[in-house]
PDB file of N, CA and C in Angstrom:
ATOM      1  N   MET A   1       0.788  -1.219   0.000  1.00  0.00           N
ATOM      2  CA  MET A   1      -0.007   0.035   0.001  1.00  0.00           C
ATOM      3  C   MET A   1       0.869   1.284  -0.008  1.00  0.00           C
ATOM      4  N   ALA A   2       1.975   1.225   0.667  1.00  0.00           N
ATOM      5  CA  ALA A   2       2.853   2.445   0.734  1.00  0.00           C
ATOM      6  C   ALA A   2       3.353   2.850  -0.604  1.00  0.00           C
ATOM      7  N   ILE A   3       3.729   1.865  -1.407  1.00  0.00           N
ATOM      8  CA  ILE A   3       4.280   2.220  -2.789  1.00  0.00           C
ATOM      9  C   ILE A   3       3.188   2.868  -3.633  1.00  0.00           C
ATOM     10  N   GLU A   4       1.975   2.382  -3.467  1.00  0.00           N
ATOM     11  CA  GLU A   4       0.847   3.001  -4.214  1.00  0.00           C
ATOM     12  C   GLU A   4       0.590   4.500  -3.878  1.00  0.00           C
ATOM     13  N   LEU A   5       0.683   4.690  -2.526  1.00  0.00           N
ATOM     14  CA  LEU A   5       0.556   6.107  -2.092  1.00  0.00           C
ATOM     15  C   LEU A   5       1.699   6.969  -2.520  1.00  0.00           C
ATOM     16  N   PHE A   6       2.924   6.380  -2.533  1.00  0.00           N
ATOM     17  CA  PHE A   6       4.077   7.155  -3.029  1.00  0.00           C
ATOM     18  C   PHE A   6       3.895   7.492  -4.508  1.00  0.00           C
ATOM     19  N   LYS A   7       3.530   6.522  -5.337  1.00  0.00           N
ATOM     20  CA  LYS A   7       3.245   6.771  -6.752  1.00  0.00           C
ATOM     21  C   LYS A   7       2.151   7.770  -6.946  1.00  0.00           C
ATOM     22  N   ALA A   8       1.083   7.704  -6.195  1.00  0.00           N
ATOM     23  CA  ALA A   8       0.006   8.641  -6.278  1.00  0.00           C
ATOM     24  C   ALA A   8       0.455  10.071  -5.898  1.00  0.00           C
ATOM     25  N   SER A   9       1.259  10.147  -4.889  1.00  0.00           N
ATOM     26  CA  SER A   9       1.824  11.449  -4.500  1.00  0.00           C
ATOM     27  C   SER A   9       2.718  11.991  -5.531  1.00  0.00           C
ATOM     28  N   GLN A  10       3.536  11.231  -6.148  1.00  0.00           N
ATOM     29  CA  GLN A  10       4.383  11.697  -7.222  1.00  0.00           C
ATOM     30  C   GLN A  10       3.523  12.226  -8.458  1.00  0.00           C
ATOM     31  N   ALA A  11       2.521  11.446  -8.764  1.00  0.00           N
ATOM     32  CA  ALA A  11       1.595  11.842  -9.881  1.00  0.00           C
ATOM     33  C   ALA A  11       0.906  13.194  -9.524  1.00  0.00           C
ATOM     34  N   CYS A  12       0.495  13.315  -8.291  1.00  0.00           N
ATOM     35  CA  CYS A  12      -0.186  14.620  -7.847  1.00  0.00           C
ATOM     36  C   CYS A  12       0.806  15.740  -7.937  1.00  0.00           C
ATOM     37  N   GLY A  13       1.995  15.538  -7.500  1.00  0.00           N
ATOM     38  CA  GLY A  13       3.024  16.599  -7.472  1.00  0.00           C
ATOM     39  C   GLY A  13       3.331  17.003  -8.943  1.00  0.00           C
ATOM     40  N   SER A  14       3.425  16.009  -9.818  1.00  0.00           N
ATOM     41  CA  SER A  14       3.682  16.366 -11.258  1.00  0.00           C
ATOM     42  C   SER A  14       2.516  17.089 -11.842  1.00  0.00           C
ATOM     43  N   SER A  15       1.319  16.704 -11.516  1.00  0.00           N
ATOM     44  CA  SER A  15       0.105  17.396 -12.062  1.00  0.00           C
ATOM     45  C   SER A  15       0.079  18.853 -11.523  1.00  0.00           C
ATOM     46  N   LEU A  16       0.409  19.070 -10.275  1.00  0.00           N
ATOM     47  CA  LEU A  16       0.442  20.385  -9.719  1.00  0.00           C
ATOM     48  C   LEU A  16       1.483  21.289 -10.430  1.00  0.00           C
ATOM     49  N   ALA A  17       2.633  20.713 -10.608  1.00  0.00           N
ATOM     50  CA  ALA A  17       3.707  21.390 -11.305  1.00  0.00           C
ATOM     51  C   ALA A  17       3.271  21.801 -12.709  1.00  0.00           C
ATOM     52  N   PHE A  18       2.702  20.833 -13.436  1.00  0.00           N
ATOM     53  CA  PHE A  18       2.171  21.105 -14.759  1.00  0.00           C
ATOM     54  C   PHE A  18       1.146  22.171 -14.804  1.00  0.00           C
ATOM     55  N   PHE A  19       0.174  22.117 -13.845  1.00  0.00           N
ATOM     56  CA  PHE A  19      -0.865  23.117 -13.875  1.00  0.00           C
ATOM     57  C   PHE A  19      -0.294  24.515 -13.464  1.00  0.00           C
ATOM     58  N   SER A  20       0.666  24.517 -12.563  1.00  0.00           N
ATOM     59  CA  SER A  20       1.337  25.797 -12.167  1.00  0.00           C
ATOM     60  C   SER A  20       2.033  26.416 -13.422  1.00  0.00           C
ATOM     61  N   ASP A  21       2.709  25.625 -14.117  1.00  0.00           N
ATOM     62  CA  ASP A  21       3.355  26.112 -15.357  1.00  0.00           C
ATOM     63  C   ASP A  21       2.306  26.629 -16.341  1.00  0.00           C
ATOM     64  N   PHE A  22       1.202  25.927 -16.496  1.00  0.00           N
ATOM     65  CA  PHE A  22       0.162  26.382 -17.362  1.00  0.00           C
ATOM     66  C   PHE A  22      -0.375  27.710 -16.898  1.00  0.00           C
ATOM     67  N   LEU A  23      -0.570  27.898 -15.586  1.00  0.00           N
ATOM     68  CA  LEU A  23      -1.114  29.166 -15.090  1.00  0.00           C
ATOM     69  C   LEU A  23      -0.159  30.255 -15.382  1.00  0.00           C
ATOM     70  N   GLU A  24       1.201  30.014 -15.187  1.00  0.00           N
ATOM     71  CA  GLU A  24       2.158  31.059 -15.492  1.00  0.00           C
ATOM     72  C   GLU A  24       2.060  31.552 -16.931  1.00  0.00           C
ATOM     73  N   LYS A  25       1.982  30.594 -17.813  1.00  0.00           N
ATOM     74  CA  LYS A  25       1.888  31.038 -19.299  1.00  0.00           C
ATOM     75  C   LYS A  25       0.543  31.593 -19.658  1.00  0.00           C
ATOM     76  N   LYS A  26      -0.572  30.954 -19.172  1.00  0.00           N
ATOM     77  CA  LYS A  26      -1.899  31.463 -19.531  1.00  0.00           C
ATOM     78  C   LYS A  26      -2.166  32.796 -18.940  1.00  0.00           C
ATOM     79  N   LEU A  27      -1.771  33.094 -17.701  1.00  0.00           N
ATOM     80  CA  LEU A  27      -2.126  34.304 -17.069  1.00  0.00           C
ATOM     81  C   LEU A  27      -0.970  35.281 -17.010  1.00  0.00           C
ATOM     82  N   ASP A  28       0.168  34.942 -17.598  1.00  0.00           N
ATOM     83  CA  ASP A  28       1.342  35.830 -17.641  1.00  0.00           C
ATOM     84  C   ASP A  28       1.704  36.258 -16.257  1.00  0.00           C
ATOM     85  N   ILE A  29       1.960  35.284 -15.422  1.00  0.00           N
ATOM     86  CA  ILE A  29       2.382  35.490 -14.011  1.00  0.00           C
ATOM     87  C   ILE A  29       3.612  34.750 -13.667  1.00  0.00           C
ATOM     88  N   ASN A  30       4.289  35.090 -12.529  1.00  0.00           N
ATOM     89  CA  ASN A  30       5.503  34.399 -12.212  1.00  0.00           C
ATOM     90  C   ASN A  30       5.149  33.198 -11.345  1.00  0.00           C
ATOM     91  N   ALA A  31       6.160  32.380 -11.051  1.00  0.00           N
ATOM     92  CA  ALA A  31       6.013  31.094 -10.374  1.00  0.00           C
ATOM     93  C   ALA A  31       5.379  31.214  -8.985  1.00  0.00           C
ATOM     94  N   THR A  32       5.793  32.324  -8.255  1.00  0.00           N
ATOM     95  CA  THR A  32       5.237  32.520  -6.926  1.00  0.00           C
ATOM     96  C   THR A  32       3.744  32.864  -7.032  1.00  0.00           C
ATOM     97  N   GLU A  33       3.382  33.734  -7.978  1.00  0.00           N
ATOM     98  CA  GLU A  33       1.995  34.048  -8.199  1.00  0.00           C
ATOM     99  C   GLU A  33       1.126  32.867  -8.575  1.00  0.00           C
ATOM    100  N   ALA A  34       1.715  32.066  -9.499  1.00  0.00           N
ATOM    101  CA  ALA A  34       1.037  30.861  -9.975  1.00  0.00           C
ATOM    102  C   ALA A  34       0.806  29.904  -8.817  1.00  0.00           C
ATOM    103  N   THR A  35       1.730  29.722  -7.959  1.00  0.00           N
ATOM    104  CA  THR A  35       1.528  28.824  -6.804  1.00  0.00           C
ATOM    105  C   THR A  35       0.426  29.305  -5.901  1.00  0.00           C
ATOM    106  N   TRP A  36       0.396  30.607  -5.620  1.00  0.00           N
ATOM    107  CA  TRP A  36      -0.647  31.145  -4.837  1.00  0.00           C
ATOM    108  C   TRP A  36      -2.019  31.033  -5.502  1.00  0.00           C
ATOM    109  N   VAL A  37      -2.068  31.303  -6.794  1.00  0.00           N
ATOM    110  CA  VAL A  37      -3.337  31.202  -7.509  1.00  0.00           C
ATOM    111  C   VAL A  37      -3.849  29.743  -7.520  1.00  0.00           C
ATOM    112  N   LEU A  38      -2.895  28.824  -7.645  1.00  0.00           N
ATOM    113  CA  LEU A  38      -3.196  27.369  -7.548  1.00  0.00           C
ATOM    114  C   LEU A  38      -3.745  27.064  -6.229  1.00  0.00           C
ATOM    115  N   ALA A  39      -3.156  27.503  -5.165  1.00  0.00           N
ATOM    116  CA  ALA A  39      -3.594  27.254  -3.815  1.00  0.00           C
ATOM    117  C   ALA A  39      -5.003  27.739  -3.544  1.00  0.00           C
ATOM    118  N   PHE A  40      -5.284  28.992  -3.986  1.00  0.00           N
ATOM    119  CA  PHE A  40      -6.609  29.572  -3.832  1.00  0.00           C
ATOM    120  C   PHE A  40      -7.656  28.810  -4.672  1.00  0.00           C
ATOM    121  N   PHE A  41      -7.230  28.471  -5.874  1.00  0.00           N
ATOM    122  CA  PHE A  41      -8.121  27.713  -6.797  1.00  0.00           C
ATOM    123  C   PHE A  41      -8.484  26.388  -6.208  1.00  0.00           C
ATOM    124  N   LEU A  42      -7.465  25.651  -5.717  1.00  0.00           N
ATOM    125  CA  LEU A  42      -7.719  24.343  -5.099  1.00  0.00           C
ATOM    126  C   LEU A  42      -8.611  24.390  -3.870  1.00  0.00           C
ATOM    127  N   SER A  43      -8.419  25.449  -3.068  1.00  0.00           N
ATOM    128  CA  SER A  43      -9.203  25.605  -1.821  1.00  0.00           C
ATOM    129  C   SER A  43     -10.644  25.906  -2.151  1.00  0.00           C
ATOM    130  N   SER A  44     -10.957  26.416  -3.331  1.00  0.00           N
ATOM    131  CA  SER A  44     -12.320  26.747  -3.692  1.00  0.00           C
ATOM    132  C   SER A  44     -13.029  25.519  -4.373  1.00  0.00           C
ATOM    133  N   MET A  45     -12.293  24.524  -4.733  1.00  0.00           N
ATOM    134  CA  MET A  45     -12.846  23.439  -5.438  1.00  0.00           C
ATOM    135  C   MET A  45     -14.003  22.690  -4.758  1.00  0.00           C
ATOM    136  N   PRO A  46     -13.916  22.433  -3.431  1.00  0.00           N
ATOM    137  CA  PRO A  46     -15.129  21.741  -2.840  1.00  0.00           C
ATOM    138  C   PRO A  46     -16.431  22.514  -3.073  1.00  0.00           C
ATOM    139  N   GLN A  47     -16.424  23.858  -2.885  1.00  0.00           N
ATOM    140  CA  GLN A  47     -17.611  24.587  -3.141  1.00  0.00           C
ATOM    141  C   GLN A  47     -18.033  24.564  -4.559  1.00  0.00           C
ATOM    142  N   CYS A  48     -17.041  24.639  -5.517  1.00  0.00           N
ATOM    143  CA  CYS A  48     -17.323  24.597  -6.914  1.00  0.00           C
ATOM    144  C   CYS A  48     -18.026  23.243  -7.303  1.00  0.00           C
ATOM    145  N   VAL A  49     -17.579  22.135  -6.708  1.00  0.00           N
ATOM    146  CA  VAL A  49     -18.135  20.860  -6.971  1.00  0.00           C
ATOM    147  C   VAL A  49     -19.533  20.797  -6.411  1.00  0.00           C
ATOM    148  N   ASN A  50     -19.771  21.320  -5.239  1.00  0.00           N
ATOM    149  CA  ASN A  50     -21.043  21.346  -4.616  1.00  0.00           C
ATOM    150  C   ASN A  50     -22.057  22.213  -5.461  1.00  0.00           C
ATOM    151  N   ASP A  51     -21.561  23.218  -6.055  1.00  0.00           N
ATOM    152  CA  ASP A  51     -22.462  24.175  -6.819  1.00  0.00           C
ATOM    153  C   ASP A  51     -22.585  23.741  -8.297  1.00  0.00           C
ATOM    154  N   ASN A  52     -21.826  22.805  -8.720  1.00  0.00           N
ATOM    155  CA  ASN A  52     -21.849  22.471 -10.189  1.00  0.00           C
ATOM    156  C   ASN A  52     -21.977  20.969 -10.350  1.00  0.00           C
ATOM    157  N   PRO A  53     -23.229  20.511 -10.563  1.00  0.00           N
ATOM    158  CA  PRO A  53     -23.471  19.084 -10.700  1.00  0.00           C
ATOM    159  C   PRO A  53     -22.669  18.435 -11.888  1.00  0.00           C
ATOM    160  N   SER A  54     -22.473  19.171 -12.970  1.00  0.00           N
ATOM    161  CA  SER A  54     -21.723  18.628 -14.105  1.00  0.00           C
ATOM    162  C   SER A  54     -20.265  18.408 -13.784  1.00  0.00           C
ATOM    163  N   LEU A  55     -19.686  19.228 -12.877  1.00  0.00           N
ATOM    164  CA  LEU A  55     -18.349  19.032 -12.392  1.00  0.00           C
ATOM    165  C   LEU A  55     -18.292  17.797 -11.511  1.00  0.00           C
ATOM    166  N   GLU A  56     -19.299  17.624 -10.702  1.00  0.00           N
ATOM    167  CA  GLU A  56     -19.305  16.456  -9.856  1.00  0.00           C
ATOM    168  C   GLU A  56     -19.393  15.185 -10.737  1.00  0.00           C
ATOM    169  N   GLN A  57     -20.228  15.272 -11.739  1.00  0.00           N
ATOM    170  CA  GLN A  57     -20.325  14.073 -12.659  1.00  0.00           C
ATOM    171  C   GLN A  57     -18.967  13.816 -13.404  1.00  0.00           C
ATOM    172  N   ALA A  58     -18.266  14.865 -13.754  1.00  0.00           N
ATOM    173  CA  ALA A  58     -17.012  14.668 -14.406  1.00  0.00           C
ATOM    174  C   ALA A  58     -16.022  14.029 -13.441  1.00  0.00           C
ATOM    175  N   LEU A  59     -16.092  14.394 -12.147  1.00  0.00           N
ATOM    176  CA  LEU A  59     -15.202  13.791 -11.174  1.00  0.00           C
ATOM    177  C   LEU A  59     -15.557  12.328 -10.996  1.00  0.00           C
ATOM    178  N   ARG A  60     -16.840  12.032 -10.994  1.00  0.00           N
ATOM    179  CA  ARG A  60     -17.274  10.610 -10.849  1.00  0.00           C
ATOM    180  C   ARG A  60     -16.830   9.759 -11.995  1.00  0.00           C
ATOM    181  N   ARG A  61     -16.858  10.324 -13.237  1.00  0.00           N
ATOM    182  CA  ARG A  61     -16.342   9.612 -14.416  1.00  0.00           C
ATOM    183  C   ARG A  61     -14.785   9.390 -14.205  1.00  0.00           C
ATOM    184  N   THR A  62     -14.083  10.357 -13.731  1.00  0.00           N
ATOM    185  CA  THR A  62     -12.680  10.256 -13.486  1.00  0.00           C
ATOM    186  C   THR A  62     -12.417   9.163 -12.467  1.00  0.00           C
ATOM    187  N   VAL A  63     -13.222   9.058 -11.437  1.00  0.00           N
ATOM    188  CA  VAL A  63     -13.067   7.984 -10.422  1.00  0.00           C
ATOM    189  C   VAL A  63     -13.107   6.602 -11.121  1.00  0.00           C
ATOM    190  N   ILE A  64     -14.109   6.422 -11.947  1.00  0.00           N
ATOM    191  CA  ILE A  64     -14.320   5.206 -12.698  1.00  0.00           C
ATOM    192  C   ILE A  64     -12.965   4.912 -13.511  1.00  0.00           C
ATOM    193  N   GLU A  65     -12.516   5.917 -14.236  1.00  0.00           N
ATOM    194  CA  GLU A  65     -11.290   5.690 -15.036  1.00  0.00           C
ATOM    195  C   GLU A  65     -10.067   5.331 -14.159  1.00  0.00           C
ATOM    196  N   VAL A  66      -9.924   6.034 -13.030  1.00  0.00           N
ATOM    197  CA  VAL A  66      -8.807   5.776 -12.174  1.00  0.00           C
ATOM    198  C   VAL A  66      -8.855   4.378 -11.627  1.00  0.00           C
ATOM    199  N   ARG A  67     -10.066   3.992 -11.156  1.00  0.00           N
ATOM    200  CA  ARG A  67     -10.248   2.639 -10.614  1.00  0.00           C
ATOM    201  C   ARG A  67      -9.811   1.593 -11.627  1.00  0.00           C
ATOM    202  N   GLN A  68     -10.283   1.821 -12.855  1.00  0.00           N
ATOM    203  CA  GLN A  68      -9.950   0.809 -13.877  1.00  0.00           C
ATOM    204  C   GLN A  68      -8.429   0.801 -14.161  1.00  0.00           C
ATOM    205  N   LYS A  69      -7.838   2.004 -14.162  1.00  0.00           N
ATOM    206  CA  LYS A  69      -6.368   2.072 -14.424  1.00  0.00           C
ATOM    207  C   LYS A  69      -5.580   1.338 -13.294  1.00  0.00           C
ATOM    208  N   LEU A  70      -6.032   1.539 -12.094  1.00  0.00           N
ATOM    209  CA  LEU A  70      -5.409   0.849 -10.893  1.00  0.00           C
ATOM    210  C   LEU A  70      -5.560  -0.639 -11.011  1.00  0.00           C
ATOM    211  N   LYS A  71      -6.769  -1.123 -11.426  1.00  0.00           N
ATOM    212  CA  LYS A  71      -6.961  -2.553 -11.623  1.00  0.00           C
ATOM    213  C   LYS A  71      -6.011  -3.078 -12.675  1.00  0.00           C
ATOM    214  N   ASP A  72      -5.924  -2.402 -13.787  1.00  0.00           N
ATOM    215  CA  ASP A  72      -5.038  -2.780 -14.889  1.00  0.00           C
ATOM    216  C   ASP A  72      -3.625  -2.842 -14.431  1.00  0.00           C
ATOM    217  N   MET A  73      -3.192  -1.877 -13.631  1.00  0.00           N
ATOM    218  CA  MET A  73      -1.802  -1.843 -13.116  1.00  0.00           C
ATOM    219  C   MET A  73      -1.584  -3.027 -12.160  1.00  0.00           C
ATOM    220  N   GLU A  74      -2.566  -3.361 -11.354  1.00  0.00           N
ATOM    221  CA  GLU A  74      -2.359  -4.471 -10.438  1.00  0.00           C
ATOM    222  C   GLU A  74      -2.133  -5.791 -11.189  1.00  0.00           C
ATOM    223  N   LYS A  75      -2.803  -5.882 -12.339  1.00  0.00           N
ATOM    224  CA  LYS A  75      -2.704  -7.079 -13.181  1.00  0.00           C
ATOM    225  C   LYS A  75      -1.371  -7.115 -14.051  1.00  0.00           C
ATOM    226  N   GLY A  76      -0.587  -6.059 -13.881  1.00  0.00           N
ATOM    227  CA  GLY A  76       0.681  -5.985 -14.584  1.00  0.00           C
ATOM    228  C   GLY A  76       0.450  -5.405 -15.974  1.00  0.00           C
ATOM    229  N   ASN A  77      -0.725  -4.821 -16.267  1.00  0.00           N
ATOM    230  CA  ASN A  77      -0.979  -4.262 -17.526  1.00  0.00           C
ATOM    231  C   ASN A  77      -1.083  -2.758 -17.325  1.00  0.00           C
ATOM    232  N   GLU A  78      -0.347  -1.967 -18.051  1.00  0.00           N
ATOM    233  CA  GLU A  78      -0.378  -0.533 -17.940  1.00  0.00           C
ATOM    234  C   GLU A  78      -1.648   0.104 -18.303  1.00  0.00           C
ATOM    235  N   GLY A  79      -2.553  -0.603 -18.970  1.00  0.00           N
ATOM    236  CA  GLY A  79      -3.816  -0.137 -19.308  1.00  0.00           C
ATOM    237  C   GLY A  79      -3.871   0.993 -20.265  1.00  0.00           C
ATOM    238  N   ASN A  80      -2.943   1.004 -21.192  1.00  0.00           N
ATOM    239  CA  ASN A  80      -2.861   2.143 -22.230  1.00  0.00           C
ATOM    240  C   ASN A  80      -3.989   1.884 -23.120  1.00  0.00           C
TER     241      ASN A  80
END
């Protein structure tokens, strides 16, 4: 279980770095500003999900995809 959490943590960190870079370019801001914007954005997400049923449905679809990917990985298949 620990290795799965480590891999998930790495994936999360990579995704946050990717999104931070995206914000820098998209909004023409520096790395510090992008990190703060990302923090504020993420902290507002629970309310956004509560207020937006289509966003919740998108998250539920993502859960299904992630669960399938994890099952495929457990079987030794990368699930591409």
